[in-house]
Amino acid sequence: MNIKKTIKKFKNKILDFFSDEYGGNLVEYALLIGFALFIFFIIVGVISSMLDWTTGLSNDFLQLFGGN
């Protein structure tokens, strides 16, 4: 009997946390930060691949016209 009350109380606390305005804001902020980090790493990956591409082009140009 005591275990059922404890489980019910724990369940109510979790539901109150996620339905509460402040709990919802915490979840939203965590999702926004995660999404922002995801987009940031995508942008960094694209920029680094562009830099590798331009470095490869300059190396090919120097091999063709550099006389090596």
Protein backbone atom coordinates (compact mmCIF):
# COMPACT_ATOMS: atom_id res chain seq x y z
CA MET A 1 0.00 0.00 0.00
CA ASN A 2 2.79 2.39 0.88
CA ILE A 3 4.64 1.58 -2.36
CA LYS A 4 1.56 2.43 -4.44
CA LYS A 5 1.27 5.82 -2.73
CA THR A 6 4.95 6.52 -3.30
CA ILE A 7 4.75 5.57 -6.98
CA LYS A 8 1.61 7.67 -7.43
CA LYS A 9 3.24 10.65 -5.71
CA PHE A 10 6.36 10.29 -7.85
CA LYS A 11 4.24 10.07 -11.01
CA ASN A 12 2.29 13.20 -10.01
CA LYS A 13 5.53 15.12 -9.38
CA ILE A 14 6.86 14.18 -12.82
CA LEU A 15 3.59 15.17 -14.50
CA ASP A 16 3.53 18.46 -12.59
CA PHE A 17 7.12 19.20 -13.64
CA PHE A 18 6.42 18.71 -17.35
CA SER A 19 3.04 20.39 -17.32
CA ASP A 20 4.25 23.32 -15.24
CA GLU A 21 5.13 26.47 -17.15
CA TYR A 22 8.69 26.51 -15.84
CA GLY A 23 9.27 22.82 -16.55
CA GLY A 24 7.99 23.29 -20.07
CA ASN A 25 10.34 26.21 -20.54
CA LEU A 26 13.27 24.09 -19.37
CA VAL A 27 12.43 21.39 -21.86
CA GLU A 28 12.00 23.93 -24.65
CA TYR A 29 15.32 25.59 -23.85
CA ALA A 30 17.09 22.23 -23.82
CA LEU A 31 15.60 21.34 -27.21
CA LEU A 32 16.54 24.73 -28.66
CA ILE A 33 20.12 24.45 -27.41
CA GLY A 34 20.41 20.95 -28.84
CA PHE A 35 19.04 22.08 -32.19
CA ALA A 36 21.39 25.07 -32.24
CA LEU A 37 24.39 22.82 -31.54
CA PHE A 38 23.28 20.45 -34.30
CA ILE A 39 23.05 23.31 -36.83
CA PHE A 40 26.39 24.73 -35.62
CA PHE A 41 28.20 21.44 -36.22
CA ILE A 42 26.62 21.11 -39.67
CA ILE A 43 27.81 24.61 -40.59
CA VAL A 44 31.32 23.91 -39.26
CA GLY A 45 31.44 20.67 -41.26
CA VAL A 46 30.39 22.40 -44.48
CA ILE A 47 32.91 25.21 -44.01
CA SER A 48 35.75 22.81 -43.25
CA SER A 49 34.92 20.72 -46.33
CA MET A 50 34.91 23.92 -48.43
CA LEU A 51 38.34 24.83 -47.06
CA ASP A 52 39.64 21.33 -47.86
CA TRP A 53 38.21 21.64 -51.38
CA THR A 54 39.95 24.98 -52.02
CA THR A 55 43.22 23.64 -50.62
CA GLY A 56 42.96 20.66 -52.96
CA LEU A 57 42.30 22.95 -55.93
CA SER A 58 45.31 25.11 -55.13
CA ASN A 59 47.53 22.03 -54.79
CA ASP A 60 46.32 20.73 -58.16
CA PHE A 61 46.96 24.13 -59.74
CA LEU A 62 50.48 24.26 -58.36
CA GLN A 63 51.17 20.72 -59.60
CA LEU A 64 49.93 21.57 -63.11
CA PHE A 65 51.60 24.95 -63.51
CA GLY A 66 54.27 24.94 -60.82
CA GLY A 67 56.71 22.83 -62.73
CA ASN A 68 56.99 20.01 -60.19
